[in-house]
Amino acid sequence: IEKELLFELNDNERVILVSIEAALRKIENQSYGVCENCKSKIKKERLKALPFARCCITCQSKVEM
């Protein structure tokens, strides 16, 4: 069970790292804070809570359904 937990944590960390790297690339090309689906601005509150958010809360809610 511990090995499975460690593997899962490493996988989650890897996903977060990829997301952070994508956010940094968006900052470089000046597309940070823009929803990848609807192209609207992502609210500052969402970006403060999740700086590497790729979608606005509306689009993210649709994806999670």
PDB file of N, CA and C in Angstrom:
ATOM      1  N   ILE A   1       0.837  -1.188   0.000  1.00  0.00           N
ATOM      2  CA  ILE A   1       0.000   0.000   0.000  1.00  0.00           C
ATOM      3  C   ILE A   1       0.883   1.254   0.000  1.00  0.00           C
ATOM      4  N   GLU A   2       1.953   1.237   0.783  1.00  0.00           N
ATOM      5  CA  GLU A   2       2.836   2.410   0.832  1.00  0.00           C
ATOM      6  C   GLU A   2       3.480   2.679  -0.521  1.00  0.00           C
ATOM      7  N   LYS A   3       3.888   1.611  -1.224  1.00  0.00           N
ATOM      8  CA  LYS A   3       4.499   1.792  -2.542  1.00  0.00           C
ATOM      9  C   LYS A   3       3.496   2.399  -3.514  1.00  0.00           C
ATOM     10  N   GLU A   4       2.244   1.954  -3.457  1.00  0.00           N
ATOM     11  CA  GLU A   4       1.217   2.510  -4.322  1.00  0.00           C
ATOM     12  C   GLU A   4       0.985   3.981  -4.006  1.00  0.00           C
ATOM     13  N   LEU A   5       0.973   4.309  -2.733  1.00  0.00           N
ATOM     14  CA  LEU A   5       0.785   5.700  -2.327  1.00  0.00           C
ATOM     15  C   LEU A   5       1.942   6.561  -2.806  1.00  0.00           C
ATOM     16  N   LEU A   6       3.165   6.077  -2.653  1.00  0.00           N
ATOM     17  CA  LEU A   6       4.328   6.831  -3.112  1.00  0.00           C
ATOM     18  C   LEU A   6       4.299   7.015  -4.628  1.00  0.00           C
ATOM     19  N   PHE A   7       3.899   5.972  -5.353  1.00  0.00           N
ATOM     20  CA  PHE A   7       3.808   6.089  -6.806  1.00  0.00           C
ATOM     21  C   PHE A   7       2.775   7.129  -7.194  1.00  0.00           C
ATOM     22  N   GLU A   8       1.626   7.111  -6.526  1.00  0.00           N
ATOM     23  CA  GLU A   8       0.564   8.073  -6.817  1.00  0.00           C
ATOM     24  C   GLU A   8       1.010   9.494  -6.505  1.00  0.00           C
ATOM     25  N   LEU A   9       1.700   9.691  -5.406  1.00  0.00           N
ATOM     26  CA  LEU A   9       2.190  11.023  -5.068  1.00  0.00           C
ATOM     27  C   LEU A   9       3.174  11.506  -6.117  1.00  0.00           C
ATOM     28  N   ASN A  10       4.056  10.637  -6.550  1.00  0.00           N
ATOM     29  CA  ASN A  10       5.011  11.036  -7.576  1.00  0.00           C
ATOM     30  C   ASN A  10       4.298  11.395  -8.872  1.00  0.00           C
ATOM     31  N   ASP A  11       3.271  10.649  -9.231  1.00  0.00           N
ATOM     32  CA  ASP A  11       2.512  10.936 -10.429  1.00  0.00           C
ATOM     33  C   ASP A  11       1.808  12.286 -10.310  1.00  0.00           C
ATOM     34  N   ASN A  12       1.202  12.541  -9.163  1.00  0.00           N
ATOM     35  CA  ASN A  12       0.538  13.826  -8.941  1.00  0.00           C
ATOM     36  C   ASN A  12       1.533  14.979  -8.994  1.00  0.00           C
ATOM     37  N   GLU A  13       2.679  14.786  -8.403  1.00  0.00           N
ATOM     38  CA  GLU A  13       3.709  15.820  -8.432  1.00  0.00           C
ATOM     39  C   GLU A  13       4.162  16.081  -9.860  1.00  0.00           C
ATOM     40  N   ARG A  14       4.259  15.030 -10.653  1.00  0.00           N
ATOM     41  CA  ARG A  14       4.664  15.166 -12.043  1.00  0.00           C
ATOM     42  C   ARG A  14       3.620  15.980 -12.829  1.00  0.00           C
ATOM     43  N   VAL A  15       2.353  15.703 -12.587  1.00  0.00           N
ATOM     44  CA  VAL A  15       1.273  16.440 -13.255  1.00  0.00           C
ATOM     45  C   VAL A  15       1.320  17.912 -12.871  1.00  0.00           C
ATOM     46  N   ILE A  16       1.544  18.197 -11.598  1.00  0.00           N
ATOM     47  CA  ILE A  16       1.630  19.586 -11.137  1.00  0.00           C
ATOM     48  C   ILE A  16       2.826  20.286 -11.775  1.00  0.00           C
ATOM     49  N   LEU A  17       3.951  19.609 -11.841  1.00  0.00           N
ATOM     50  CA  LEU A  17       5.143  20.201 -12.453  1.00  0.00           C
ATOM     51  C   LEU A  17       4.911  20.528 -13.919  1.00  0.00           C
ATOM     52  N   VAL A  18       4.286  19.633 -14.654  1.00  0.00           N
ATOM     53  CA  VAL A  18       3.977  19.888 -16.065  1.00  0.00           C
ATOM     54  C   VAL A  18       3.043  21.093 -16.184  1.00  0.00           C
ATOM     55  N   SER A  19       2.073  21.193 -15.287  1.00  0.00           N
ATOM     56  CA  SER A  19       1.130  22.316 -15.304  1.00  0.00           C
ATOM     57  C   SER A  19       1.825  23.639 -15.009  1.00  0.00           C
ATOM     58  N   ILE A  20       2.747  23.618 -14.076  1.00  0.00           N
ATOM     59  CA  ILE A  20       3.507  24.833 -13.738  1.00  0.00           C
ATOM     60  C   ILE A  20       4.377  25.261 -14.919  1.00  0.00           C
ATOM     61  N   GLU A  21       5.015  24.293 -15.547  1.00  0.00           N
ATOM     62  CA  GLU A  21       5.850  24.614 -16.708  1.00  0.00           C
ATOM     63  C   GLU A  21       5.011  25.203 -17.840  1.00  0.00           C
ATOM     64  N   ALA A  22       3.807  24.680 -18.043  1.00  0.00           N
ATOM     65  CA  ALA A  22       2.908  25.214 -19.066  1.00  0.00           C
ATOM     66  C   ALA A  22       2.506  26.646 -18.728  1.00  0.00           C
ATOM     67  N   ALA A  23       2.242  26.913 -17.451  1.00  0.00           N
ATOM     68  CA  ALA A  23       1.883  28.272 -17.027  1.00  0.00           C
ATOM     69  C   ALA A  23       3.038  29.234 -17.268  1.00  0.00           C
ATOM     70  N   LEU A  24       4.248  28.796 -17.006  1.00  0.00           N
ATOM     71  CA  LEU A  24       5.414  29.653 -17.249  1.00  0.00           C
ATOM     72  C   LEU A  24       5.576  29.963 -18.740  1.00  0.00           C
ATOM     73  N   ARG A  25       5.311  28.977 -19.593  1.00  0.00           N
ATOM     74  CA  ARG A  25       5.369  29.225 -21.043  1.00  0.00           C
ATOM     75  C   ARG A  25       4.291  30.232 -21.456  1.00  0.00           C
ATOM     76  N   LYS A  26       3.125  30.124 -20.829  1.00  0.00           N
ATOM     77  CA  LYS A  26       2.045  31.071 -21.141  1.00  0.00           C
ATOM     78  C   LYS A  26       2.427  32.488 -20.725  1.00  0.00           C
ATOM     79  N   ILE A  27       3.124  32.621 -19.626  1.00  0.00           N
ATOM     80  CA  ILE A  27       3.585  33.944 -19.204  1.00  0.00           C
ATOM     81  C   ILE A  27       4.530  34.506 -20.259  1.00  0.00           C
ATOM     82  N   GLU A  28       5.431  33.657 -20.750  1.00  0.00           N
ATOM     83  CA  GLU A  28       6.384  34.096 -21.766  1.00  0.00           C
ATOM     84  C   GLU A  28       5.701  34.549 -23.048  1.00  0.00           C
ATOM     85  N   ASN A  29       4.651  33.838 -23.469  1.00  0.00           N
ATOM     86  CA  ASN A  29       3.996  34.219 -24.723  1.00  0.00           C
ATOM     87  C   ASN A  29       2.746  35.076 -24.502  1.00  0.00           C
ATOM     88  N   GLN A  30       2.604  35.575 -23.284  1.00  0.00           N
ATOM     89  CA  GLN A  30       1.555  36.536 -22.906  1.00  0.00           C
ATOM     90  C   GLN A  30       0.137  35.984 -23.063  1.00  0.00           C
ATOM     91  N   SER A  31      -0.019  34.686 -22.830  1.00  0.00           N
ATOM     92  CA  SER A  31      -1.363  34.105 -22.870  1.00  0.00           C
ATOM     93  C   SER A  31      -1.774  33.576 -21.496  1.00  0.00           C
ATOM     94  N   TYR A  32      -1.015  33.921 -20.473  1.00  0.00           N
ATOM     95  CA  TYR A  32      -1.337  33.479 -19.115  1.00  0.00           C
ATOM     96  C   TYR A  32      -2.638  34.121 -18.651  1.00  0.00           C
ATOM     97  N   GLY A  33      -3.482  33.316 -18.023  1.00  0.00           N
ATOM     98  CA  GLY A  33      -4.736  33.831 -17.485  1.00  0.00           C
ATOM     99  C   GLY A  33      -5.881  33.822 -18.483  1.00  0.00           C
ATOM    100  N   VAL A  34      -5.662  33.177 -19.626  1.00  0.00           N
ATOM    101  CA  VAL A  34      -6.704  33.065 -20.645  1.00  0.00           C
ATOM    102  C   VAL A  34      -7.152  31.605 -20.702  1.00  0.00           C
ATOM    103  N   CYS A  35      -8.455  31.389 -20.637  1.00  0.00           N
ATOM    104  CA  CYS A  35      -9.023  30.039 -20.668  1.00  0.00           C
ATOM    105  C   CYS A  35      -8.692  29.362 -21.995  1.00  0.00           C
ATOM    106  N   GLU A  36      -8.208  28.133 -21.929  1.00  0.00           N
ATOM    107  CA  GLU A  36      -7.862  27.394 -23.139  1.00  0.00           C
ATOM    108  C   GLU A  36      -9.092  26.978 -23.942  1.00  0.00           C
ATOM    109  N   ASN A  37     -10.255  26.926 -23.302  1.00  0.00           N
ATOM    110  CA  ASN A  37     -11.464  26.496 -24.003  1.00  0.00           C
ATOM    111  C   ASN A  37     -12.227  27.662 -24.625  1.00  0.00           C
ATOM    112  N   CYS A  38     -12.626  28.625 -23.805  1.00  0.00           N
ATOM    113  CA  CYS A  38     -13.496  29.707 -24.296  1.00  0.00           C
ATOM    114  C   CYS A  38     -12.741  31.000 -24.589  1.00  0.00           C
ATOM    115  N   LYS A  39     -11.458  31.042 -24.254  1.00  0.00           N
ATOM    116  CA  LYS A  39     -10.585  32.204 -24.507  1.00  0.00           C
ATOM    117  C   LYS A  39     -10.937  33.437 -23.691  1.00  0.00           C
ATOM    118  N   SER A  40     -11.772  33.279 -22.657  1.00  0.00           N
ATOM    119  CA  SER A  40     -12.059  34.426 -21.788  1.00  0.00           C
ATOM    120  C   SER A  40     -10.987  34.496 -20.694  1.00  0.00           C
ATOM    121  N   LYS A  41     -10.948  35.619 -19.990  1.00  0.00           N
ATOM    122  CA  LYS A  41      -9.970  35.765 -18.916  1.00  0.00           C
ATOM    123  C   LYS A  41     -10.372  34.904 -17.724  1.00  0.00           C
ATOM    124  N   ILE A  42      -9.376  34.288 -17.118  1.00  0.00           N
ATOM    125  CA  ILE A  42      -9.602  33.527 -15.890  1.00  0.00           C
ATOM    126  C   ILE A  42      -9.565  34.519 -14.746  1.00  0.00           C
ATOM    127  N   LYS A  43     -10.540  34.437 -13.855  1.00  0.00           N
ATOM    128  CA  LYS A  43     -10.626  35.393 -12.750  1.00  0.00           C
ATOM    129  C   LYS A  43      -9.394  35.319 -11.864  1.00  0.00           C
ATOM    130  N   LYS A  44      -8.988  36.496 -11.361  1.00  0.00           N
ATOM    131  CA  LYS A  44      -7.795  36.596 -10.522  1.00  0.00           C
ATOM    132  C   LYS A  44      -7.893  35.711  -9.286  1.00  0.00           C
ATOM    133  N   GLU A  45      -9.086  35.606  -8.725  1.00  0.00           N
ATOM    134  CA  GLU A  45      -9.266  34.776  -7.530  1.00  0.00           C
ATOM    135  C   GLU A  45      -8.919  33.322  -7.826  1.00  0.00           C
ATOM    136  N   ARG A  46      -9.321  32.844  -9.003  1.00  0.00           N
ATOM    137  CA  ARG A  46      -9.014  31.460  -9.383  1.00  0.00           C
ATOM    138  C   ARG A  46      -7.510  31.291  -9.581  1.00  0.00           C
ATOM    139  N   LEU A  47      -6.879  32.258 -10.222  1.00  0.00           N
ATOM    140  CA  LEU A  47      -5.438  32.159 -10.446  1.00  0.00           C
ATOM    141  C   LEU A  47      -4.653  32.254  -9.138  1.00  0.00           C
ATOM    142  N   LYS A  48      -5.173  33.009  -8.170  1.00  0.00           N
ATOM    143  CA  LYS A  48      -4.510  33.063  -6.867  1.00  0.00           C
ATOM    144  C   LYS A  48      -4.603  31.716  -6.174  1.00  0.00           C
ATOM    145  N   ALA A  49      -5.747  31.058  -6.307  1.00  0.00           N
ATOM    146  CA  ALA A  49      -5.942  29.760  -5.669  1.00  0.00           C
ATOM    147  C   ALA A  49      -5.218  28.647  -6.421  1.00  0.00           C
ATOM    148  N   LEU A  50      -5.182  28.757  -7.754  1.00  0.00           N
ATOM    149  CA  LEU A  50      -4.575  27.728  -8.598  1.00  0.00           C
ATOM    150  C   LEU A  50      -3.811  28.423  -9.726  1.00  0.00           C
ATOM    151  N   PRO A  51      -2.585  28.856  -9.448  1.00  0.00           N
ATOM    152  CA  PRO A  51      -1.836  29.673 -10.412  1.00  0.00           C
ATOM    153  C   PRO A  51      -1.620  29.021 -11.769  1.00  0.00           C
ATOM    154  N   PHE A  52      -1.726  27.714 -11.839  1.00  0.00           N
ATOM    155  CA  PHE A  52      -1.521  27.042 -13.122  1.00  0.00           C
ATOM    156  C   PHE A  52      -2.839  26.574 -13.747  1.00  0.00           C
ATOM    157  N   ALA A  53      -3.943  27.239 -13.370  1.00  0.00           N
ATOM    158  CA  ALA A  53      -5.254  26.908 -13.948  1.00  0.00           C
ATOM    159  C   ALA A  53      -5.229  27.126 -15.451  1.00  0.00           C
ATOM    160  N   ARG A  54      -5.762  26.168 -16.189  1.00  0.00           N
ATOM    161  CA  ARG A  54      -5.784  26.253 -17.646  1.00  0.00           C
ATOM    162  C   ARG A  54      -7.129  26.717 -18.175  1.00  0.00           C
ATOM    163  N   CYS A  55      -8.156  26.596 -17.346  1.00  0.00           N
ATOM    164  CA  CYS A  55      -9.516  26.933 -17.776  1.00  0.00           C
ATOM    165  C   CYS A  55     -10.190  27.807 -16.736  1.00  0.00           C
ATOM    166  N   CYS A  56     -11.163  28.589 -17.202  1.00  0.00           N
ATOM    167  CA  CYS A  56     -11.983  29.350 -16.272  1.00  0.00           C
ATOM    168  C   CYS A  56     -12.857  28.361 -15.482  1.00  0.00           C
ATOM    169  N   ILE A  57     -13.461  28.827 -14.423  1.00  0.00           N
ATOM    170  CA  ILE A  57     -14.231  27.925 -13.570  1.00  0.00           C
ATOM    171  C   ILE A  57     -15.428  27.342 -14.308  1.00  0.00           C
ATOM    172  N   THR A  58     -16.025  28.097 -15.219  1.00  0.00           N
ATOM    173  CA  THR A  58     -17.170  27.606 -15.980  1.00  0.00           C
ATOM    174  C   THR A  58     -16.767  26.431 -16.869  1.00  0.00           C
ATOM    175  N   CYS A  59     -15.717  26.592 -17.616  1.00  0.00           N
ATOM    176  CA  CYS A  59     -15.243  25.520 -18.502  1.00  0.00           C
ATOM    177  C   CYS A  59     -14.741  24.326 -17.694  1.00  0.00           C
ATOM    178  N   GLN A  60     -14.054  24.582 -16.586  1.00  0.00           N
ATOM    179  CA  GLN A  60     -13.548  23.490 -15.753  1.00  0.00           C
ATOM    180  C   GLN A  60     -14.717  22.683 -15.188  1.00  0.00           C
ATOM    181  N   SER A  61     -15.781  23.361 -14.799  1.00  0.00           N
ATOM    182  CA  SER A  61     -16.967  22.661 -14.280  1.00  0.00           C
ATOM    183  C   SER A  61     -17.570  21.754 -15.346  1.00  0.00           C
ATOM    184  N   LYS A  62     -17.590  22.208 -16.582  1.00  0.00           N
ATOM    185  CA  LYS A  62     -18.120  21.397 -17.671  1.00  0.00           C
ATOM    186  C   LYS A  62     -17.260  20.159 -17.906  1.00  0.00           C
ATOM    187  N   VAL A  63     -15.953  20.314 -17.797  1.00  0.00           N
ATOM    188  CA  VAL A  63     -15.024  19.193 -18.004  1.00  0.00           C
ATOM    189  C   VAL A  63     -15.201  18.141 -16.906  1.00  0.00           C
ATOM    190  N   GLU A  64     -15.459  18.594 -15.685  1.00  0.00           N
ATOM    191  CA  GLU A  64     -15.542  17.671 -14.561  1.00  0.00           C
ATOM    192  C   GLU A  64     -16.885  16.945 -14.477  1.00  0.00           C
ATOM    193  N   MET A  65     -17.862  17.349 -15.255  1.00  0.00           N
ATOM    194  CA  MET A  65     -19.177  16.693 -15.215  1.00  0.00           C
ATOM    195  C   MET A  65     -19.146  15.340 -15.827  1.00  0.00           C
TER     196      MET A  65
END
